[in-house]
Amino acid sequence: MFWPMLAVALAFLGIAVLGVLAARVLAEVRRLAGQVSESSLRISRAAEDLERAAAPLAAASSQTVQTLRQE
């Protein structure tokens, strides 16, 4: 009777360990998802800033090309 009880206890312990590990993985996945979301927002803001900064440069470049064509 000892060996079957030991087997059941070890099986329960193994399932408990897997449950704890699954909870830790879930917590890390949620943390990673938050970081990915924050990074995505920062990239979007940076792209918008770059687009706004490039607009005057593109206009000046266009005027320079037109001036060079007229010469």
PDB file of N, CA and C in Angstrom:
ATOM      1  N   MET A   1       0.811  -1.193   0.000  1.00  0.00           N
ATOM      2  CA  MET A   1       0.000   0.000   0.000  1.00  0.00           C
ATOM      3  C   MET A   1       0.866   1.274   0.000  1.00  0.00           C
ATOM      4  N   PHE A   2       2.091   1.157   0.424  1.00  0.00           N
ATOM      5  CA  PHE A   2       2.976   2.322   0.490  1.00  0.00           C
ATOM      6  C   PHE A   2       3.307   2.857  -0.898  1.00  0.00           C
ATOM      7  N   TRP A   3       3.650   1.958  -1.848  1.00  0.00           N
ATOM      8  CA  TRP A   3       4.083   2.400  -3.171  1.00  0.00           C
ATOM      9  C   TRP A   3       2.981   3.088  -3.963  1.00  0.00           C
ATOM     10  N   PRO A   4       1.751   2.570  -3.952  1.00  0.00           N
ATOM     11  CA  PRO A   4       0.694   3.308  -4.665  1.00  0.00           C
ATOM     12  C   PRO A   4       0.439   4.693  -4.068  1.00  0.00           C
ATOM     13  N   MET A   5       0.495   4.825  -2.737  1.00  0.00           N
ATOM     14  CA  MET A   5       0.280   6.129  -2.101  1.00  0.00           C
ATOM     15  C   MET A   5       1.431   7.080  -2.452  1.00  0.00           C
ATOM     16  N   LEU A   6       2.650   6.554  -2.492  1.00  0.00           N
ATOM     17  CA  LEU A   6       3.796   7.367  -2.877  1.00  0.00           C
ATOM     18  C   LEU A   6       3.662   7.837  -4.328  1.00  0.00           C
ATOM     19  N   ALA A   7       3.212   6.955  -5.194  1.00  0.00           N
ATOM     20  CA  ALA A   7       3.024   7.312  -6.605  1.00  0.00           C
ATOM     21  C   ALA A   7       1.975   8.414  -6.757  1.00  0.00           C
ATOM     22  N   VAL A   8       0.879   8.310  -6.022  1.00  0.00           N
ATOM     23  CA  VAL A   8      -0.173   9.327  -6.074  1.00  0.00           C
ATOM     24  C   VAL A   8       0.359  10.656  -5.530  1.00  0.00           C
ATOM     25  N   ALA A   9       1.103  10.598  -4.440  1.00  0.00           N
ATOM     26  CA  ALA A   9       1.661  11.821  -3.856  1.00  0.00           C
ATOM     27  C   ALA A   9       2.648  12.486  -4.820  1.00  0.00           C
ATOM     28  N   LEU A  10       3.500  11.688  -5.450  1.00  0.00           N
ATOM     29  CA  LEU A  10       4.459  12.239  -6.402  1.00  0.00           C
ATOM     30  C   LEU A  10       3.752  12.812  -7.634  1.00  0.00           C
ATOM     31  N   ALA A  11       2.695  12.141  -8.071  1.00  0.00           N
ATOM     32  CA  ALA A  11       1.931  12.651  -9.217  1.00  0.00           C
ATOM     33  C   ALA A  11       1.289  13.998  -8.863  1.00  0.00           C
ATOM     34  N   PHE A  12       0.709  14.069  -7.674  1.00  0.00           N
ATOM     35  CA  PHE A  12       0.106  15.332  -7.236  1.00  0.00           C
ATOM     36  C   PHE A  12       1.166  16.424  -7.139  1.00  0.00           C
ATOM     37  N   LEU A  13       2.312  16.112  -6.595  1.00  0.00           N
ATOM     38  CA  LEU A  13       3.398  17.074  -6.477  1.00  0.00           C
ATOM     39  C   LEU A  13       3.865  17.547  -7.856  1.00  0.00           C
ATOM     40  N   GLY A  14       3.961  16.606  -8.803  1.00  0.00           N
ATOM     41  CA  GLY A  14       4.360  16.968 -10.164  1.00  0.00           C
ATOM     42  C   GLY A  14       3.363  17.903 -10.816  1.00  0.00           C
ATOM     43  N   ILE A  15       2.079  17.640 -10.622  1.00  0.00           N
ATOM     44  CA  ILE A  15       1.046  18.511 -11.194  1.00  0.00           C
ATOM     45  C   ILE A  15       1.085  19.881 -10.526  1.00  0.00           C
ATOM     46  N   ALA A  16       1.335  19.911  -9.213  1.00  0.00           N
ATOM     47  CA  ALA A  16       1.428  21.193  -8.511  1.00  0.00           C
ATOM     48  C   ALA A  16       2.614  22.009  -9.035  1.00  0.00           C
ATOM     49  N   VAL A  17       3.742  21.358  -9.259  1.00  0.00           N
ATOM     50  CA  VAL A  17       4.915  22.054  -9.789  1.00  0.00           C
ATOM     51  C   VAL A  17       4.616  22.588 -11.184  1.00  0.00           C
ATOM     52  N   LEU A  18       3.977  21.789 -12.018  1.00  0.00           N
ATOM     53  CA  LEU A  18       3.617  22.262 -13.358  1.00  0.00           C
ATOM     54  C   LEU A  18       2.655  23.439 -13.292  1.00  0.00           C
ATOM     55  N   GLY A  19       1.731  23.424 -12.345  1.00  0.00           N
ATOM     56  CA  GLY A  19       0.804  24.544 -12.170  1.00  0.00           C
ATOM     57  C   GLY A  19       1.521  25.821 -11.791  1.00  0.00           C
ATOM     58  N   VAL A  20       2.475  25.715 -10.874  1.00  0.00           N
ATOM     59  CA  VAL A  20       3.254  26.888 -10.461  1.00  0.00           C
ATOM     60  C   VAL A  20       4.055  27.427 -11.646  1.00  0.00           C
ATOM     61  N   LEU A  21       4.687  26.548 -12.395  1.00  0.00           N
ATOM     62  CA  LEU A  21       5.463  26.981 -13.560  1.00  0.00           C
ATOM     63  C   LEU A  21       4.560  27.625 -14.613  1.00  0.00           C
ATOM     64  N   ALA A  22       3.368  27.071 -14.812  1.00  0.00           N
ATOM     65  CA  ALA A  22       2.430  27.656 -15.776  1.00  0.00           C
ATOM     66  C   ALA A  22       2.016  29.055 -15.335  1.00  0.00           C
ATOM     67  N   ALA A  23       1.813  29.258 -14.048  1.00  0.00           N
ATOM     68  CA  ALA A  23       1.445  30.584 -13.538  1.00  0.00           C
ATOM     69  C   ALA A  23       2.582  31.577 -13.763  1.00  0.00           C
ATOM     70  N   ARG A  24       3.811  31.135 -13.556  1.00  0.00           N
ATOM     71  CA  ARG A  24       4.958  32.025 -13.782  1.00  0.00           C
ATOM     72  C   ARG A  24       5.081  32.386 -15.256  1.00  0.00           C
ATOM     73  N   VAL A  25       4.867  31.413 -16.131  1.00  0.00           N
ATOM     74  CA  VAL A  25       4.927  31.677 -17.580  1.00  0.00           C
ATOM     75  C   VAL A  25       3.835  32.671 -17.970  1.00  0.00           C
ATOM     76  N   LEU A  26       2.626  32.488 -17.428  1.00  0.00           N
ATOM     77  CA  LEU A  26       1.526  33.402 -17.727  1.00  0.00           C
ATOM     78  C   LEU A  26       1.871  34.822 -17.288  1.00  0.00           C
ATOM     79  N   ALA A  27       2.450  34.973 -16.112  1.00  0.00           N
ATOM     80  CA  ALA A  27       2.823  36.307 -15.622  1.00  0.00           C
ATOM     81  C   ALA A  27       3.876  36.939 -16.538  1.00  0.00           C
ATOM     82  N   GLU A  28       4.853  36.169 -16.964  1.00  0.00           N
ATOM     83  CA  GLU A  28       5.892  36.701 -17.845  1.00  0.00           C
ATOM     84  C   GLU A  28       5.338  37.060 -19.222  1.00  0.00           C
ATOM     85  N   VAL A  29       4.403  36.262 -19.719  1.00  0.00           N
ATOM     86  CA  VAL A  29       3.786  36.557 -21.018  1.00  0.00           C
ATOM     87  C   VAL A  29       3.003  37.864 -20.938  1.00  0.00           C
ATOM     88  N   ARG A  30       2.280  38.062 -19.835  1.00  0.00           N
ATOM     89  CA  ARG A  30       1.544  39.318 -19.675  1.00  0.00           C
ATOM     90  C   ARG A  30       2.501  40.501 -19.602  1.00  0.00           C
ATOM     91  N   ARG A  31       3.604  40.336 -18.886  1.00  0.00           N
ATOM     92  CA  ARG A  31       4.588  41.420 -18.785  1.00  0.00           C
ATOM     93  C   ARG A  31       5.187  41.728 -20.155  1.00  0.00           C
ATOM     94  N   LEU A  32       5.515  40.680 -20.903  1.00  0.00           N
ATOM     95  CA  LEU A  32       6.075  40.867 -22.238  1.00  0.00           C
ATOM     96  C   LEU A  32       5.070  41.534 -23.173  1.00  0.00           C
ATOM     97  N   ALA A  33       3.810  41.149 -23.074  1.00  0.00           N
ATOM     98  CA  ALA A  33       2.780  41.766 -23.914  1.00  0.00           C
ATOM     99  C   ALA A  33       2.661  43.258 -23.611  1.00  0.00           C
ATOM    100  N   GLY A  34       2.769  43.624 -22.345  1.00  0.00           N
ATOM    101  CA  GLY A  34       2.733  45.041 -21.983  1.00  0.00           C
ATOM    102  C   GLY A  34       3.916  45.796 -22.562  1.00  0.00           C
ATOM    103  N   GLN A  35       5.089  45.191 -22.517  1.00  0.00           N
ATOM    104  CA  GLN A  35       6.273  45.837 -23.075  1.00  0.00           C
ATOM    105  C   GLN A  35       6.168  45.974 -24.586  1.00  0.00           C
ATOM    106  N   VAL A  36       5.637  44.959 -25.252  1.00  0.00           N
ATOM    107  CA  VAL A  36       5.465  45.029 -26.710  1.00  0.00           C
ATOM    108  C   VAL A  36       4.475  46.132 -27.068  1.00  0.00           C
ATOM    109  N   SER A  37       3.409  46.242 -26.296  1.00  0.00           N
ATOM    110  CA  SER A  37       2.417  47.287 -26.550  1.00  0.00           C
ATOM    111  C   SER A  37       3.036  48.671 -26.369  1.00  0.00           C
ATOM    112  N   GLU A  38       3.788  48.855 -25.292  1.00  0.00           N
ATOM    113  CA  GLU A  38       4.441  50.140 -25.054  1.00  0.00           C
ATOM    114  C   GLU A  38       5.451  50.467 -26.150  1.00  0.00           C
ATOM    115  N   SER A  39       6.211  49.474 -26.570  1.00  0.00           N
ATOM    116  CA  SER A  39       7.194  49.689 -27.640  1.00  0.00           C
ATOM    117  C   SER A  39       6.508  50.053 -28.951  1.00  0.00           C
ATOM    118  N   SER A  40       5.396  49.414 -29.218  1.00  0.00           N
ATOM    119  CA  SER A  40       4.653  49.719 -30.442  1.00  0.00           C
ATOM    120  C   SER A  40       4.173  51.160 -30.437  1.00  0.00           C
ATOM    121  N   LEU A  41       3.678  51.624 -29.299  1.00  0.00           N
ATOM    122  CA  LEU A  41       3.237  53.017 -29.212  1.00  0.00           C
ATOM    123  C   LEU A  41       4.408  53.972 -29.390  1.00  0.00           C
ATOM    124  N   ARG A  42       5.542  53.649 -28.793  1.00  0.00           N
ATOM    125  CA  ARG A  42       6.711  54.520 -28.926  1.00  0.00           C
ATOM    126  C   ARG A  42       7.198  54.571 -30.379  1.00  0.00           C
ATOM    127  N   ILE A  43       7.163  53.433 -31.062  1.00  0.00           N
ATOM    128  CA  ILE A  43       7.576  53.398 -32.471  1.00  0.00           C
ATOM    129  C   ILE A  43       6.623  54.227 -33.316  1.00  0.00           C
ATOM    130  N   SER A  44       5.333  54.133 -33.036  1.00  0.00           N
ATOM    131  CA  SER A  44       4.353  54.936 -33.783  1.00  0.00           C
ATOM    132  C   SER A  44       4.602  56.420 -33.588  1.00  0.00           C
ATOM    133  N   ARG A  45       4.856  56.813 -32.329  1.00  0.00           N
ATOM    134  CA  ARG A  45       5.143  58.229 -32.068  1.00  0.00           C
ATOM    135  C   ARG A  45       6.415  58.676 -32.771  1.00  0.00           C
ATOM    136  N   ALA A  46       7.431  57.841 -32.757  1.00  0.00           N
ATOM    137  CA  ALA A  46       8.687  58.195 -33.418  1.00  0.00           C
ATOM    138  C   ALA A  46       8.491  58.318 -34.924  1.00  0.00           C
ATOM    139  N   ALA A  47       7.684  57.435 -35.504  1.00  0.00           N
ATOM    140  CA  ALA A  47       7.421  57.509 -36.945  1.00  0.00           C
ATOM    141  C   ALA A  47       6.675  58.799 -37.295  1.00  0.00           C
ATOM    142  N   GLU A  48       5.723  59.175 -36.441  1.00  0.00           N
ATOM    143  CA  GLU A  48       5.002  60.430 -36.685  1.00  0.00           C
ATOM    144  C   GLU A  48       5.944  61.631 -36.573  1.00  0.00           C
ATOM    145  N   ASP A  49       6.812  61.613 -35.564  1.00  0.00           N
ATOM    146  CA  ASP A  49       7.785  62.705 -35.413  1.00  0.00           C
ATOM    147  C   ASP A  49       8.712  62.782 -36.622  1.00  0.00           C
ATOM    148  N   LEU A  50       9.148  61.643 -37.101  1.00  0.00           N
ATOM    149  CA  LEU A  50      10.028  61.612 -38.271  1.00  0.00           C
ATOM    150  C   LEU A  50       9.307  62.139 -39.502  1.00  0.00           C
ATOM    151  N   GLU A  51       8.058  61.776 -39.643  1.00  0.00           N
ATOM    152  CA  GLU A  51       7.288  62.258 -40.803  1.00  0.00           C
ATOM    153  C   GLU A  51       7.117  63.772 -40.748  1.00  0.00           C
ATOM    154  N   ARG A  52       6.816  64.284 -39.539  1.00  0.00           N
ATOM    155  CA  ARG A  52       6.681  65.741 -39.401  1.00  0.00           C
ATOM    156  C   ARG A  52       8.004  66.453 -39.655  1.00  0.00           C
ATOM    157  N   ALA A  53       9.095  65.871 -39.217  1.00  0.00           N
ATOM    158  CA  ALA A  53      10.403  66.497 -39.411  1.00  0.00           C
ATOM    159  C   ALA A  53      10.848  66.436 -40.870  1.00  0.00           C
ATOM    160  N   ALA A  54      10.410  65.413 -41.593  1.00  0.00           N
ATOM    161  CA  ALA A  54      10.842  65.243 -42.982  1.00  0.00           C
ATOM    162  C   ALA A  54      10.052  66.121 -43.950  1.00  0.00           C
ATOM    163  N   ALA A  55       8.874  66.560 -43.563  1.00  0.00           N
ATOM    164  CA  ALA A  55       8.040  67.346 -44.479  1.00  0.00           C
ATOM    165  C   ALA A  55       8.722  68.642 -44.923  1.00  0.00           C
ATOM    166  N   PRO A  56       9.258  69.453 -44.022  1.00  0.00           N
ATOM    167  CA  PRO A  56       9.941  70.672 -44.490  1.00  0.00           C
ATOM    168  C   PRO A  56      11.173  70.362 -45.341  1.00  0.00           C
ATOM    169  N   LEU A  57      11.870  69.308 -44.995  1.00  0.00           N
ATOM    170  CA  LEU A  57      13.045  68.935 -45.775  1.00  0.00           C
ATOM    171  C   LEU A  57      12.647  68.531 -47.190  1.00  0.00           C
ATOM    172  N   ALA A  58      11.550  67.806 -47.308  1.00  0.00           N
ATOM    173  CA  ALA A  58      11.084  67.407 -48.637  1.00  0.00           C
ATOM    174  C   ALA A  58      10.660  68.623 -49.449  1.00  0.00           C
ATOM    175  N   ALA A  59      10.016  69.584 -48.806  1.00  0.00           N
ATOM    176  CA  ALA A  59       9.600  70.798 -49.509  1.00  0.00           C
ATOM    177  C   ALA A  59      10.819  71.590 -49.979  1.00  0.00           C
ATOM    178  N   ALA A  60      11.810  71.711 -49.118  1.00  0.00           N
ATOM    179  CA  ALA A  60      13.020  72.441 -49.494  1.00  0.00           C
ATOM    180  C   ALA A  60      13.755  71.721 -50.609  1.00  0.00           C
ATOM    181  N   SER A  61      13.783  70.425 -50.545  1.00  0.00           N
ATOM    182  CA  SER A  61      14.442  69.639 -51.587  1.00  0.00           C
ATOM    183  C   SER A  61      13.727  69.809 -52.913  1.00  0.00           C
ATOM    184  N   SER A  62      12.410  69.840 -52.879  1.00  0.00           N
ATOM    185  CA  SER A  62      11.631  70.030 -54.103  1.00  0.00           C
ATOM    186  C   SER A  62      11.918  71.389 -54.722  1.00  0.00           C
ATOM    187  N   GLN A  63      12.005  72.414 -53.891  1.00  0.00           N
ATOM    188  CA  GLN A  63      12.300  73.753 -54.399  1.00  0.00           C
ATOM    189  C   GLN A  63      13.702  73.816 -54.983  1.00  0.00           C
ATOM    190  N   THR A  64      14.648  73.129 -54.366  1.00  0.00           N
ATOM    191  CA  THR A  64      16.023  73.104 -54.880  1.00  0.00           C
ATOM    192  C   THR A  64      16.079  72.424 -56.239  1.00  0.00           C
ATOM    193  N   VAL A  65      15.358  71.341 -56.386  1.00  0.00           N
ATOM    194  CA  VAL A  65      15.345  70.627 -57.668  1.00  0.00           C
ATOM    195  C   VAL A  65      14.714  71.497 -58.740  1.00  0.00           C
ATOM    196  N   GLN A  66      13.647  72.182 -58.414  1.00  0.00           N
ATOM    197  CA  GLN A  66      13.002  73.058 -59.397  1.00  0.00           C
ATOM    198  C   GLN A  66      13.930  74.202 -59.791  1.00  0.00           C
ATOM    199  N   THR A  67      14.662  74.735 -58.822  1.00  0.00           N
ATOM    200  CA  THR A  67      15.607  75.818 -59.114  1.00  0.00           C
ATOM    201  C   THR A  67      16.724  75.332 -60.028  1.00  0.00           C
ATOM    202  N   LEU A  68      17.239  74.148 -59.774  1.00  0.00           N
ATOM    203  CA  LEU A  68      18.291  73.582 -60.597  1.00  0.00           C
ATOM    204  C   LEU A  68      17.817  73.286 -62.018  1.00  0.00           C
ATOM    205  N   ARG A  69      16.561  72.890 -62.163  1.00  0.00           N
ATOM    206  CA  ARG A  69      16.022  72.603 -63.499  1.00  0.00           C
ATOM    207  C   ARG A  69      15.879  73.879 -64.315  1.00  0.00           C
ATOM    208  N   GLN A  70      15.575  74.990 -63.656  1.00  0.00           N
ATOM    209  CA  GLN A  70      15.384  76.257 -64.359  1.00  0.00           C
ATOM    210  C   GLN A  70      16.695  76.839 -64.848  1.00  0.00           C
ATOM    211  N   GLU A  71      17.791  76.457 -64.218  1.00  0.00           N
ATOM    212  CA  GLU A  71      19.076  77.031 -64.593  1.00  0.00           C
ATOM    213  C   GLU A  71      19.627  76.419 -65.809  1.00  0.00           C
TER     214      GLU A  71
END
